[in-house]
C-alpha atoms as a PDB file:
ATOM      1  CA  MET A   1       0.000   0.000   0.000  1.00  0.00           C
ATOM      2  CA  ALA A   2       1.365   3.426  -0.955  1.00  0.00           C
ATOM      3  CA  VAL A   3       1.912   5.895   1.868  1.00  0.00           C
ATOM      4  CA  ASN A   4       0.876   9.499   1.293  1.00  0.00           C
ATOM      5  CA  TRP A   5       3.810  11.132   3.132  1.00  0.00           C
ATOM      6  CA  ARG A   6       2.409  14.640   2.593  1.00  0.00           C
ATOM      7  CA  ARG A   7      -0.602  13.932   4.845  1.00  0.00           C
ATOM      8  CA  LYS A   8       1.641  12.881   7.727  1.00  0.00           C
ATOM      9  CA  MET A   9       3.605  16.137   7.720  1.00  0.00           C
ATOM     10  CA  SER A  10       2.701  19.568   9.020  1.00  0.00           C
ATOM     11  CA  GLY A  11       4.294  21.124   5.950  1.00  0.00           C
ATOM     12  CA  TYR A  12       7.367  20.938   3.756  1.00  0.00           C
ATOM     13  CA  PHE A  13       9.799  22.924   1.659  1.00  0.00           C
ATOM     14  CA  GLU A  14      10.164  22.151  -2.058  1.00  0.00           C
ATOM     15  CA  LEU A  15      13.183  23.107  -4.153  1.00  0.00           C
ATOM     16  CA  VAL A  16      11.940  24.100  -7.613  1.00  0.00           C
ATOM     17  CA  MET A  17      13.550  25.465 -10.745  1.00  0.00           C
ATOM     18  CA  ALA A  18      13.192  29.158 -11.566  1.00  0.00           C
ATOM     19  CA  PRO A  19      13.909  30.883 -14.888  1.00  0.00           C
ATOM     20  CA  GLU A  20      17.484  31.021 -16.179  1.00  0.00           C
ATOM     21  CA  GLY A  21      18.645  27.922 -14.278  1.00  0.00           C
ATOM     22  CA  ARG A  22      18.071  29.425 -10.848  1.00  0.00           C
ATOM     23  CA  TYR A  23      16.169  28.007  -7.860  1.00  0.00           C
ATOM     24  CA  ARG A  24      13.202  28.864  -5.665  1.00  0.00           C
ATOM     25  CA  VAL A  25      11.759  27.358  -2.520  1.00  0.00           C
ATOM     26  CA  ARG A  26       8.046  26.759  -2.024  1.00  0.00           C
ATOM     27  CA  LEU A  27       6.572  26.335   1.451  1.00  0.00           C
ATOM     28  CA  THR A  28       3.545  24.048   1.405  1.00  0.00           C
ATOM     29  CA  ASP A  29       1.260  23.192   4.320  1.00  0.00           C
ATOM     30  CA  GLY A  30       0.263  19.674   5.352  1.00  0.00           C
ATOM     31  CA  ARG A  31      -2.759  19.738   3.008  1.00  0.00           C
ATOM     32  CA  GLY A  32      -0.558  20.552   0.016  1.00  0.00           C
ATOM     33  CA  GLU A  33      -1.657  24.204  -0.147  1.00  0.00           C
ATOM     34  CA  LEU A  34       0.996  26.706  -1.216  1.00  0.00           C
ATOM     35  CA  MET A  35       1.869  29.059   1.648  1.00  0.00           C
ATOM     36  CA  ALA A  36       4.858  31.010   0.283  1.00  0.00           C
ATOM     37  CA  VAL A  37       7.350  31.235  -2.568  1.00  0.00           C
ATOM     38  CA  SER A  38      10.893  32.440  -1.978  1.00  0.00           C
ATOM     39  CA  VAL A  39      13.010  34.901  -3.836  1.00  0.00           C
ATOM     40  CA  THR A  40      15.214  33.500  -6.611  1.00  0.00           C
ATOM     41  CA  PHE A  41      18.497  31.883  -5.551  1.00  0.00           C
ATOM     42  CA  GLU A  42      21.531  31.596  -7.824  1.00  0.00           C
ATOM     43  CA  THR A  43      22.475  28.082  -6.664  1.00  0.00           C
ATOM     44  CA  LYS A  44      20.839  25.046  -5.083  1.00  0.00           C
ATOM     45  CA  ALA A  45      23.175  25.431  -2.095  1.00  0.00           C
ATOM     46  CA  ALA A  46      21.939  29.005  -1.589  1.00  0.00           C
ATOM     47  CA  ALA A  47      18.322  27.798  -1.735  1.00  0.00           C
ATOM     48  CA  VAL A  48      19.058  25.130   0.892  1.00  0.00           C
ATOM     49  CA  ALA A  49      20.701  27.801   3.069  1.00  0.00           C
ATOM     50  CA  GLY A  50      17.547  29.888   2.579  1.00  0.00           C
ATOM     51  CA  ILE A  51      15.474  27.003   3.922  1.00  0.00           C
ATOM     52  CA  ALA A  52      17.707  26.788   7.008  1.00  0.00           C
ATOM     53  CA  ALA A  53      17.292  30.528   7.584  1.00  0.00           C
ATOM     54  CA  ALA A  54      13.516  30.305   7.113  1.00  0.00           C
ATOM     55  CA  ARG A  55      13.307  27.500   9.664  1.00  0.00           C
ATOM     56  CA  GLU A  56      15.149  29.595  12.248  1.00  0.00           C
ATOM     57  CA  ILE A  57      13.104  32.708  11.506  1.00  0.00           C
ATOM     58  CA  ALA A  58       9.812  30.794  11.645  1.00  0.00           C
ATOM     59  CA  GLY A  59      10.696  29.400  15.056  1.00  0.00           C
ATOM     60  CA  THR A  60      11.952  32.637  16.591  1.00  0.00           C
ATOM     61  CA  GLY A  61      10.650  35.530  14.499  1.00  0.00           C
ATOM     62  CA  LEU A  62       8.193  38.122  15.726  1.00  0.00           C
ATOM     63  CA  ILE A  63       4.942  38.934  13.979  1.00  0.00           C
ATOM     64  CA  VAL A  64       5.038  42.471  12.575  1.00  0.00           C
ATOM     65  CA  ASP A  65       1.600  43.915  11.797  1.00  0.00           C
ATOM     66  CA  ARG A  66       1.856  46.213   8.778  1.00  0.00           C
ATOM     67  CA  THR A  67      -1.821  46.162   7.891  1.00  0.00           C
ATOM     68  CA  GLY A  68      -2.197  49.899   8.613  1.00  0.00           C
ATOM     69  CA  VAL A  69       0.607  50.818   6.187  1.00  0.00           C
ATOM     70  CA  GLU A  70       0.205  51.709   2.502  1.00  0.00           C
ATOM     71  CA  PRO A  71       0.753  48.613   0.332  1.00  0.00           C
ATOM     72  CA  GLU A  72       4.023  48.423  -1.549  1.00  0.00           C
ATOM     73  CA  PRO A  73       3.816  48.529  -5.350  1.00  0.00           C
ATOM     74  CA  ALA A  74       3.752  45.117  -7.004  1.00  0.00           C
ATOM     75  CA  LEU A  75       7.076  43.851  -8.271  1.00  0.00           C
ATOM     76  CA  GLY A  76       7.164  43.205 -11.988  1.00  0.00           C
ATOM     77  CA  GLY A  77       9.178  40.573 -13.791  1.00  0.00           C
ATOM     78  CA  ARG A  78      11.599  38.261 -12.058  1.00  0.00           C
ATOM     79  CA  ARG A  79      11.750  38.482  -8.284  1.00  0.00           C
ATOM     80  CA  THR A  80      15.321  38.422  -7.079  1.00  0.00           C
ATOM     81  CA  GLY A  81      14.969  39.776  -3.582  1.00  0.00           C
ATOM     82  CA  ALA A  82      16.464  43.148  -4.530  1.00  0.00           C
ATOM     83  CA  GLY A  83      15.560  45.695  -1.892  1.00  0.00           C
ATOM     84  CA  ILE A  84      14.522  43.060   0.649  1.00  0.00           C
ATOM     85  CA  GLN A  85      16.420  43.451   3.888  1.00  0.00           C
ATOM     86  CA  PRO A  86      17.688  40.237   5.476  1.00  0.00           C
ATOM     87  CA  MET A  87      15.761  39.242   8.576  1.00  0.00           C
ATOM     88  CA  LYS A  88      17.605  38.820  11.855  1.00  0.00           C
ATOM     89  CA  SER A  89      16.891  36.174  14.427  1.00  0.00           C
ATOM     90  CA  SER A  90      15.142  37.362  17.559  1.00  0.00           C
ATOM     91  CA  ILE A  91      16.772  34.754  19.790  1.00  0.00           C
ATOM     92  CA  GLY A  92      16.945  36.312  23.233  1.00  0.00           C
ATOM     93  CA  GLY A  93      14.541  39.021  22.116  1.00  0.00           C
ATOM     94  CA  PRO A  94      10.987  39.781  23.228  1.00  0.00           C
ATOM     95  CA  PRO A  95       8.402  37.015  23.605  1.00  0.00           C
ATOM     96  CA  LEU A  96       7.049  35.516  20.374  1.00  0.00           C
ATOM     97  CA  SER A  97       3.472  36.440  21.306  1.00  0.00           C
ATOM     98  CA  ARG A  98       4.272  40.145  21.042  1.00  0.00           C
ATOM     99  CA  VAL A  99       2.978  41.808  17.885  1.00  0.00           C
ATOM    100  CA  GLU A 100       4.752  44.924  16.674  1.00  0.00           C
ATOM    101  CA  GLY A 101       3.430  47.444  14.205  1.00  0.00           C
ATOM    102  CA  PRO A 102       1.496  50.695  13.793  1.00  0.00           C
END
C-alpha cells in the first residue's frame, strides 16, 4: 500500500527550478496548499541555506503587523529579492506572542 507522506507532515519545503537555471523554494502546508514562494536563488546550495534561515526565523521571528501601512507597489518581472532586507533572528529578544506594528 502506498503511503501518502504529505498527509503525515505539518508542511514541507520544495526546491523548484526558476527561470534562467536558478532556484526557488516553495513552502507548502500539510494539506498541500501553497503558503509562500521564496526569492530566486543563484544556486541550489543558496536555496538550501535559505530554507535553514527560514526554519530559524519561523521558530523565533516576531509577527510584525503592517496592515495599517500603505501597500508596496507590485514587483514586476523576475523576483530576485532586490531591496529586501535580510531578517535577523530574535533569539533572546521579546516574547514571540508580542505583535509589533502601527
